[in-house]
């Protein structure tokens, strides 16, 4: 499994839920549209006697902060879609699902609400 597999699972889940216009942004790609789902590398770890590599990624769901009530509802809806799309895979959810309110006039970034879902999965690489 790799990050492209994760992106495909999420895109398929969004499509199945009728959210075809919400992009899934690969690692290193600037956010140019909201709402979106952003994939970013996180901490990796060794597993099973140092024979396997678990890749870590943060999946961040981002919605505009304007009209916070309806946008928060969209954020929770997208969170459920993303989680459901990953459950049948070998992805392990690691840690709490963090909420953040980011950006705004003082930062130069668009004001946004976000939910960060930390995951890990076994890489397609055998170390030994």
N, C-alpha and C. Protein backbone atom coordinates (compact mmCIF):
# COMPACT_ATOMS: atom_id res chain seq x y z
N UNK A 1 0.85 -1.17 0.00
CA UNK A 1 0.00 0.00 0.00
C UNK A 1 0.90 1.24 0.00
N UNK A 2 0.47 2.29 -0.67
CA UNK A 2 1.19 3.56 -0.69
C UNK A 2 0.20 4.72 -0.65
N UNK A 3 0.71 5.94 -0.68
CA UNK A 3 -0.19 7.09 -0.56
C UNK A 3 -1.16 7.21 -1.74
N UNK A 4 -0.77 6.72 -2.91
CA UNK A 4 -1.70 6.75 -4.05
C UNK A 4 -2.90 5.85 -3.81
N UNK A 5 -2.69 4.71 -3.13
CA UNK A 5 -3.80 3.82 -2.77
C UNK A 5 -4.76 4.52 -1.81
N UNK A 6 -4.18 5.27 -0.85
CA UNK A 6 -5.00 6.01 0.11
C UNK A 6 -5.83 7.06 -0.61
N UNK A 7 -5.19 7.78 -1.52
CA UNK A 7 -5.90 8.81 -2.29
C UNK A 7 -7.05 8.19 -3.07
N UNK A 8 -6.81 7.05 -3.70
CA UNK A 8 -7.86 6.38 -4.48
C UNK A 8 -9.02 5.96 -3.58
N UNK A 9 -8.72 5.38 -2.42
CA UNK A 9 -9.78 4.98 -1.50
C UNK A 9 -10.65 6.16 -1.10
N UNK A 10 -10.00 7.29 -0.78
CA UNK A 10 -10.75 8.48 -0.37
C UNK A 10 -11.56 9.04 -1.53
N UNK A 11 -10.94 9.13 -2.72
CA UNK A 11 -11.68 9.63 -3.89
C UNK A 11 -12.90 8.75 -4.19
N UNK A 12 -12.71 7.44 -4.11
CA UNK A 12 -13.83 6.52 -4.36
C UNK A 12 -14.95 6.74 -3.33
N UNK A 13 -14.56 6.95 -2.07
CA UNK A 13 -15.55 7.20 -1.02
C UNK A 13 -16.30 8.50 -1.25
N UNK A 14 -15.59 9.55 -1.64
CA UNK A 14 -16.23 10.83 -1.92
C UNK A 14 -17.17 10.72 -3.12
N UNK A 15 -16.73 10.00 -4.16
CA UNK A 15 -17.57 9.81 -5.35
C UNK A 15 -18.84 9.05 -4.99
N UNK A 16 -18.69 7.99 -4.22
CA UNK A 16 -19.84 7.19 -3.81
C UNK A 16 -20.83 8.01 -2.99
N UNK A 17 -20.33 8.99 -2.23
CA UNK A 17 -21.18 9.85 -1.41
C UNK A 17 -21.71 11.05 -2.19
N UNK A 18 -21.37 11.15 -3.47
CA UNK A 18 -21.85 12.25 -4.29
C UNK A 18 -21.05 13.53 -4.14
N UNK A 19 -19.87 13.46 -3.55
CA UNK A 19 -19.01 14.64 -3.33
C UNK A 19 -17.88 14.66 -4.36
N UNK A 20 -18.23 14.58 -5.63
CA UNK A 20 -17.24 14.44 -6.71
C UNK A 20 -16.41 15.70 -6.94
N UNK A 21 -16.87 16.85 -6.49
CA UNK A 21 -16.13 18.10 -6.72
C UNK A 21 -15.11 18.41 -5.63
N UNK A 22 -15.03 17.58 -4.61
CA UNK A 22 -14.08 17.82 -3.53
C UNK A 22 -12.77 17.12 -3.87
N UNK A 23 -11.70 17.90 -4.10
CA UNK A 23 -10.43 17.28 -4.49
C UNK A 23 -9.71 16.62 -3.31
N UNK A 24 -8.93 15.60 -3.64
CA UNK A 24 -8.01 14.98 -2.68
C UNK A 24 -6.62 15.43 -3.11
N UNK A 25 -5.96 16.20 -2.25
CA UNK A 25 -4.71 16.86 -2.59
C UNK A 25 -3.52 15.99 -2.17
N UNK A 26 -2.68 15.56 -3.14
CA UNK A 26 -1.52 14.72 -2.83
C UNK A 26 -0.47 15.47 -2.01
N UNK A 27 0.44 14.75 -1.37
CA UNK A 27 1.51 15.39 -0.59
C UNK A 27 2.29 16.41 -1.40
N UNK A 28 2.55 17.56 -0.78
CA UNK A 28 3.35 18.60 -1.41
C UNK A 28 2.61 19.53 -2.34
N UNK A 29 1.31 19.30 -2.53
CA UNK A 29 0.53 20.13 -3.43
C UNK A 29 -0.12 21.27 -2.64
N UNK A 30 0.03 22.51 -3.11
CA UNK A 30 -0.61 23.62 -2.39
C UNK A 30 -2.13 23.51 -2.44
N UNK A 31 -2.75 23.98 -1.38
CA UNK A 31 -4.22 23.99 -1.33
C UNK A 31 -4.71 25.18 -2.13
N UNK A 32 -5.50 24.92 -3.16
CA UNK A 32 -6.01 26.01 -3.98
C UNK A 32 -7.53 26.06 -3.97
N UNK A 33 -8.17 25.02 -3.45
CA UNK A 33 -9.63 24.95 -3.43
C UNK A 33 -10.07 24.43 -2.07
N UNK A 34 -11.14 25.01 -1.54
CA UNK A 34 -11.76 24.48 -0.33
C UNK A 34 -13.24 24.31 -0.62
N UNK A 35 -13.84 23.28 -0.10
CA UNK A 35 -13.32 22.23 0.76
C UNK A 35 -12.42 21.27 -0.02
N UNK A 36 -11.55 20.58 0.72
CA UNK A 36 -10.67 19.58 0.12
C UNK A 36 -10.20 18.62 1.20
N UNK A 37 -9.56 17.54 0.75
CA UNK A 37 -8.95 16.57 1.64
C UNK A 37 -7.46 16.55 1.29
N UNK A 38 -6.61 16.83 2.27
CA UNK A 38 -5.17 16.97 2.05
C UNK A 38 -4.45 15.77 2.65
N UNK A 39 -3.54 15.19 1.89
CA UNK A 39 -2.71 14.07 2.36
C UNK A 39 -1.31 14.62 2.60
N UNK A 40 -0.80 14.46 3.83
CA UNK A 40 0.55 14.96 4.16
C UNK A 40 1.32 13.89 4.93
N UNK A 41 2.61 13.73 4.61
CA UNK A 41 3.42 12.75 5.34
C UNK A 41 3.51 13.10 6.82
N UNK A 42 3.59 12.07 7.64
CA UNK A 42 3.77 12.21 9.08
C UNK A 42 4.89 11.27 9.50
N UNK A 43 4.93 10.89 10.76
CA UNK A 43 6.00 10.03 11.26
C UNK A 43 5.84 8.59 10.77
N UNK A 44 6.95 7.98 10.33
CA UNK A 44 6.99 6.57 9.97
C UNK A 44 7.50 5.79 11.18
N UNK A 45 7.25 4.48 11.20
CA UNK A 45 7.77 3.66 12.29
C UNK A 45 8.11 2.27 11.75
N UNK A 46 9.02 1.60 12.45
CA UNK A 46 9.37 0.23 12.11
C UNK A 46 8.46 -0.72 12.87
N UNK A 47 8.16 -1.86 12.27
CA UNK A 47 7.29 -2.82 12.91
C UNK A 47 7.77 -4.24 12.71
N UNK A 48 7.14 -5.18 13.41
CA UNK A 48 7.39 -6.61 13.26
C UNK A 48 8.88 -6.94 13.26
N UNK A 49 9.57 -6.64 14.35
CA UNK A 49 11.00 -6.96 14.46
C UNK A 49 11.86 -6.20 13.48
N UNK A 50 11.49 -4.99 13.18
CA UNK A 50 12.20 -4.12 12.24
C UNK A 50 12.24 -4.69 10.81
N UNK A 51 11.27 -5.52 10.46
CA UNK A 51 11.21 -6.10 9.12
C UNK A 51 10.27 -5.33 8.20
N UNK A 52 9.40 -4.53 8.78
CA UNK A 52 8.45 -3.78 7.96
C UNK A 52 8.51 -2.30 8.32
N UNK A 53 8.05 -1.50 7.41
CA UNK A 53 7.99 -0.05 7.60
C UNK A 53 6.53 0.37 7.56
N UNK A 54 6.10 1.06 8.63
CA UNK A 54 4.75 1.63 8.66
C UNK A 54 4.87 3.10 8.30
N UNK A 55 4.22 3.48 7.21
CA UNK A 55 4.22 4.87 6.77
C UNK A 55 3.14 5.64 7.50
N UNK A 56 3.47 6.84 7.92
CA UNK A 56 2.51 7.69 8.61
C UNK A 56 2.07 8.84 7.72
N UNK A 57 0.78 9.12 7.74
CA UNK A 57 0.23 10.25 7.00
C UNK A 57 -0.84 10.92 7.84
N UNK A 58 -0.98 12.23 7.66
CA UNK A 58 -2.09 12.97 8.23
C UNK A 58 -3.05 13.29 7.10
N UNK A 59 -4.28 12.90 7.28
CA UNK A 59 -5.32 13.24 6.33
C UNK A 59 -6.07 14.41 6.95
N UNK A 60 -6.01 15.57 6.27
CA UNK A 60 -6.63 16.77 6.80
C UNK A 60 -7.78 17.19 5.91
N UNK A 61 -8.95 17.28 6.52
CA UNK A 61 -10.14 17.73 5.82
C UNK A 61 -10.26 19.22 6.10
N UNK A 62 -10.38 20.03 5.06
CA UNK A 62 -10.39 21.48 5.20
C UNK A 62 -11.65 22.05 4.56
N UNK A 63 -12.35 22.91 5.30
CA UNK A 63 -13.52 23.61 4.78
C UNK A 63 -13.37 25.09 5.10
N UNK A 64 -13.99 25.98 4.32
CA UNK A 64 -13.92 27.41 4.64
C UNK A 64 -14.53 27.69 6.01
N UNK A 65 -14.00 28.70 6.70
CA UNK A 65 -14.50 29.02 8.03
C UNK A 65 -15.71 29.95 7.98
N UNK A 66 -16.04 30.52 6.86
CA UNK A 66 -17.22 31.38 6.77
C UNK A 66 -18.48 30.55 7.02
N UNK A 67 -19.50 31.18 7.58
CA UNK A 67 -20.76 30.48 7.89
C UNK A 67 -20.46 29.20 8.67
N UNK A 68 -19.89 29.35 9.85
CA UNK A 68 -19.31 28.23 10.58
C UNK A 68 -20.26 27.08 10.86
N UNK A 69 -21.55 27.35 11.07
CA UNK A 69 -22.46 26.25 11.40
C UNK A 69 -22.58 25.28 10.23
N UNK A 70 -22.88 25.79 9.04
CA UNK A 70 -23.03 24.89 7.89
C UNK A 70 -21.69 24.29 7.48
N UNK A 71 -20.60 25.04 7.61
CA UNK A 71 -19.29 24.51 7.25
C UNK A 71 -18.85 23.42 8.22
N UNK A 72 -19.19 23.60 9.51
CA UNK A 72 -18.85 22.55 10.47
C UNK A 72 -19.64 21.28 10.17
N UNK A 73 -20.90 21.42 9.75
CA UNK A 73 -21.70 20.26 9.35
C UNK A 73 -21.05 19.56 8.17
N UNK A 74 -20.55 20.34 7.20
CA UNK A 74 -19.86 19.75 6.04
C UNK A 74 -18.58 19.04 6.50
N UNK A 75 -17.85 19.67 7.42
CA UNK A 75 -16.62 19.07 7.94
C UNK A 75 -16.90 17.71 8.57
N UNK A 76 -17.93 17.61 9.39
CA UNK A 76 -18.24 16.33 10.04
C UNK A 76 -18.74 15.30 9.02
N UNK A 77 -19.47 15.76 8.02
CA UNK A 77 -19.93 14.84 6.97
C UNK A 77 -18.74 14.27 6.20
N UNK A 78 -17.80 15.14 5.82
CA UNK A 78 -16.62 14.70 5.08
C UNK A 78 -15.74 13.80 5.94
N UNK A 79 -15.64 14.09 7.23
CA UNK A 79 -14.87 13.24 8.14
C UNK A 79 -15.43 11.82 8.14
N UNK A 80 -16.73 11.70 8.24
CA UNK A 80 -17.36 10.37 8.24
C UNK A 80 -17.12 9.64 6.92
N UNK A 81 -17.21 10.36 5.81
CA UNK A 81 -16.98 9.75 4.49
C UNK A 81 -15.55 9.23 4.39
N UNK A 82 -14.58 10.06 4.81
CA UNK A 82 -13.16 9.66 4.73
C UNK A 82 -12.90 8.44 5.61
N UNK A 83 -13.39 8.46 6.83
CA UNK A 83 -13.17 7.32 7.74
C UNK A 83 -13.79 6.05 7.16
N UNK A 84 -15.03 6.15 6.68
CA UNK A 84 -15.69 4.96 6.09
C UNK A 84 -14.92 4.44 4.89
N UNK A 85 -14.34 5.34 4.10
CA UNK A 85 -13.63 4.90 2.89
C UNK A 85 -12.34 4.16 3.23
N UNK A 86 -11.78 4.39 4.42
CA UNK A 86 -10.52 3.76 4.81
C UNK A 86 -10.69 2.52 5.67
N UNK A 87 -11.86 2.33 6.26
CA UNK A 87 -12.05 1.21 7.19
C UNK A 87 -11.81 -0.17 6.56
N UNK A 88 -12.24 -0.45 5.34
CA UNK A 88 -11.99 -1.80 4.83
C UNK A 88 -10.54 -2.06 4.41
N UNK A 89 -9.65 -1.11 4.59
CA UNK A 89 -8.26 -1.29 4.17
C UNK A 89 -7.39 -1.66 5.37
N UNK A 90 -6.08 -1.77 5.15
CA UNK A 90 -5.15 -2.10 6.22
C UNK A 90 -4.69 -0.87 7.00
N UNK A 91 -5.34 0.27 6.79
CA UNK A 91 -4.99 1.50 7.48
C UNK A 91 -5.30 1.38 8.96
N UNK A 92 -4.37 1.88 9.79
CA UNK A 92 -4.59 1.94 11.23
C UNK A 92 -4.74 3.42 11.61
N UNK A 93 -5.80 3.73 12.34
CA UNK A 93 -6.00 5.10 12.82
C UNK A 93 -5.18 5.27 14.09
N UNK A 94 -4.31 6.27 14.10
CA UNK A 94 -3.38 6.48 15.21
C UNK A 94 -3.66 7.81 15.89
N UNK A 95 -4.08 7.75 17.13
CA UNK A 95 -4.25 8.97 17.91
C UNK A 95 -5.60 9.62 17.71
N UNK A 96 -5.78 10.71 18.41
CA UNK A 96 -7.07 11.42 18.32
C UNK A 96 -7.22 12.10 16.97
N UNK A 97 -8.47 12.34 16.60
CA UNK A 97 -8.78 13.08 15.39
C UNK A 97 -8.88 14.55 15.80
N UNK A 98 -7.87 15.34 15.47
CA UNK A 98 -7.74 16.71 15.97
C UNK A 98 -8.55 17.69 15.15
N UNK A 99 -9.12 18.69 15.84
CA UNK A 99 -9.86 19.78 15.21
C UNK A 99 -9.02 21.04 15.29
N UNK A 100 -9.06 21.86 14.25
CA UNK A 100 -8.35 23.14 14.28
C UNK A 100 -9.12 24.18 13.49
N UNK A 101 -8.98 25.40 13.92
CA UNK A 101 -9.47 26.56 13.19
C UNK A 101 -8.23 27.33 12.79
N UNK A 102 -7.98 27.48 11.49
CA UNK A 102 -6.71 28.04 11.03
C UNK A 102 -6.92 29.22 10.09
N UNK A 103 -5.82 29.90 9.81
CA UNK A 103 -5.83 30.97 8.83
C UNK A 103 -6.54 32.22 9.32
N UNK A 104 -6.85 33.09 8.39
CA UNK A 104 -7.49 34.36 8.69
C UNK A 104 -6.64 35.51 8.20
N UNK A 105 -7.16 36.70 8.38
CA UNK A 105 -6.51 37.90 7.83
C UNK A 105 -5.06 38.06 8.28
N UNK A 106 -4.77 37.84 9.55
CA UNK A 106 -3.43 38.08 10.07
C UNK A 106 -2.39 37.09 9.53
N UNK A 107 -2.82 35.93 9.04
CA UNK A 107 -1.88 34.90 8.61
C UNK A 107 -1.61 34.91 7.12
N UNK A 108 -2.47 35.52 6.34
CA UNK A 108 -2.32 35.49 4.89
C UNK A 108 -2.87 34.22 4.27
N UNK A 109 -3.39 33.31 5.10
CA UNK A 109 -4.00 32.07 4.61
C UNK A 109 -5.51 32.18 4.71
N UNK A 110 -6.22 31.44 3.86
CA UNK A 110 -7.68 31.48 3.97
C UNK A 110 -8.14 30.91 5.31
N UNK A 111 -9.16 31.53 5.87
CA UNK A 111 -9.73 31.06 7.14
C UNK A 111 -10.39 29.71 6.90
N UNK A 112 -10.05 28.72 7.75
CA UNK A 112 -10.54 27.37 7.53
C UNK A 112 -10.79 26.64 8.85
N UNK A 113 -11.70 25.68 8.78
CA UNK A 113 -11.90 24.70 9.83
C UNK A 113 -11.31 23.40 9.30
N UNK A 114 -10.66 22.63 10.18
CA UNK A 114 -10.07 21.39 9.69
C UNK A 114 -10.16 20.28 10.72
N UNK A 115 -10.10 19.06 10.22
CA UNK A 115 -10.05 17.86 11.06
C UNK A 115 -8.86 17.05 10.55
N UNK A 116 -7.95 16.70 11.45
CA UNK A 116 -6.76 15.94 11.09
C UNK A 116 -6.93 14.50 11.57
N UNK A 117 -6.80 13.55 10.63
CA UNK A 117 -6.94 12.13 10.92
C UNK A 117 -5.58 11.48 10.71
N UNK A 118 -4.85 11.14 11.79
CA UNK A 118 -3.54 10.50 11.63
C UNK A 118 -3.71 9.00 11.35
N UNK A 119 -3.02 8.53 10.32
CA UNK A 119 -3.09 7.11 9.96
C UNK A 119 -1.69 6.56 9.75
N UNK A 120 -1.57 5.24 9.82
CA UNK A 120 -0.36 4.53 9.39
C UNK A 120 -0.80 3.29 8.63
N UNK A 121 0.10 2.78 7.79
CA UNK A 121 -0.14 1.54 7.06
C UNK A 121 1.20 0.94 6.68
N UNK A 122 1.20 -0.36 6.46
CA UNK A 122 2.43 -1.05 6.09
C UNK A 122 2.80 -0.70 4.66
N UNK A 123 4.04 -0.30 4.46
CA UNK A 123 4.53 0.09 3.14
C UNK A 123 4.73 -1.14 2.27
N UNK A 124 4.83 -0.90 0.97
CA UNK A 124 5.11 -1.96 0.00
C UNK A 124 6.58 -2.33 -0.02
N UNK A 125 7.30 -2.06 1.05
CA UNK A 125 8.74 -2.27 1.11
C UNK A 125 9.05 -3.31 2.18
N UNK A 126 9.87 -4.31 1.84
CA UNK A 126 10.35 -5.28 2.83
C UNK A 126 11.78 -4.89 3.18
N UNK A 127 12.05 -4.71 4.46
CA UNK A 127 13.37 -4.24 4.89
C UNK A 127 14.37 -5.37 5.01
N UNK A 128 13.92 -6.59 5.22
CA UNK A 128 14.85 -7.73 5.35
C UNK A 128 14.50 -8.82 4.38
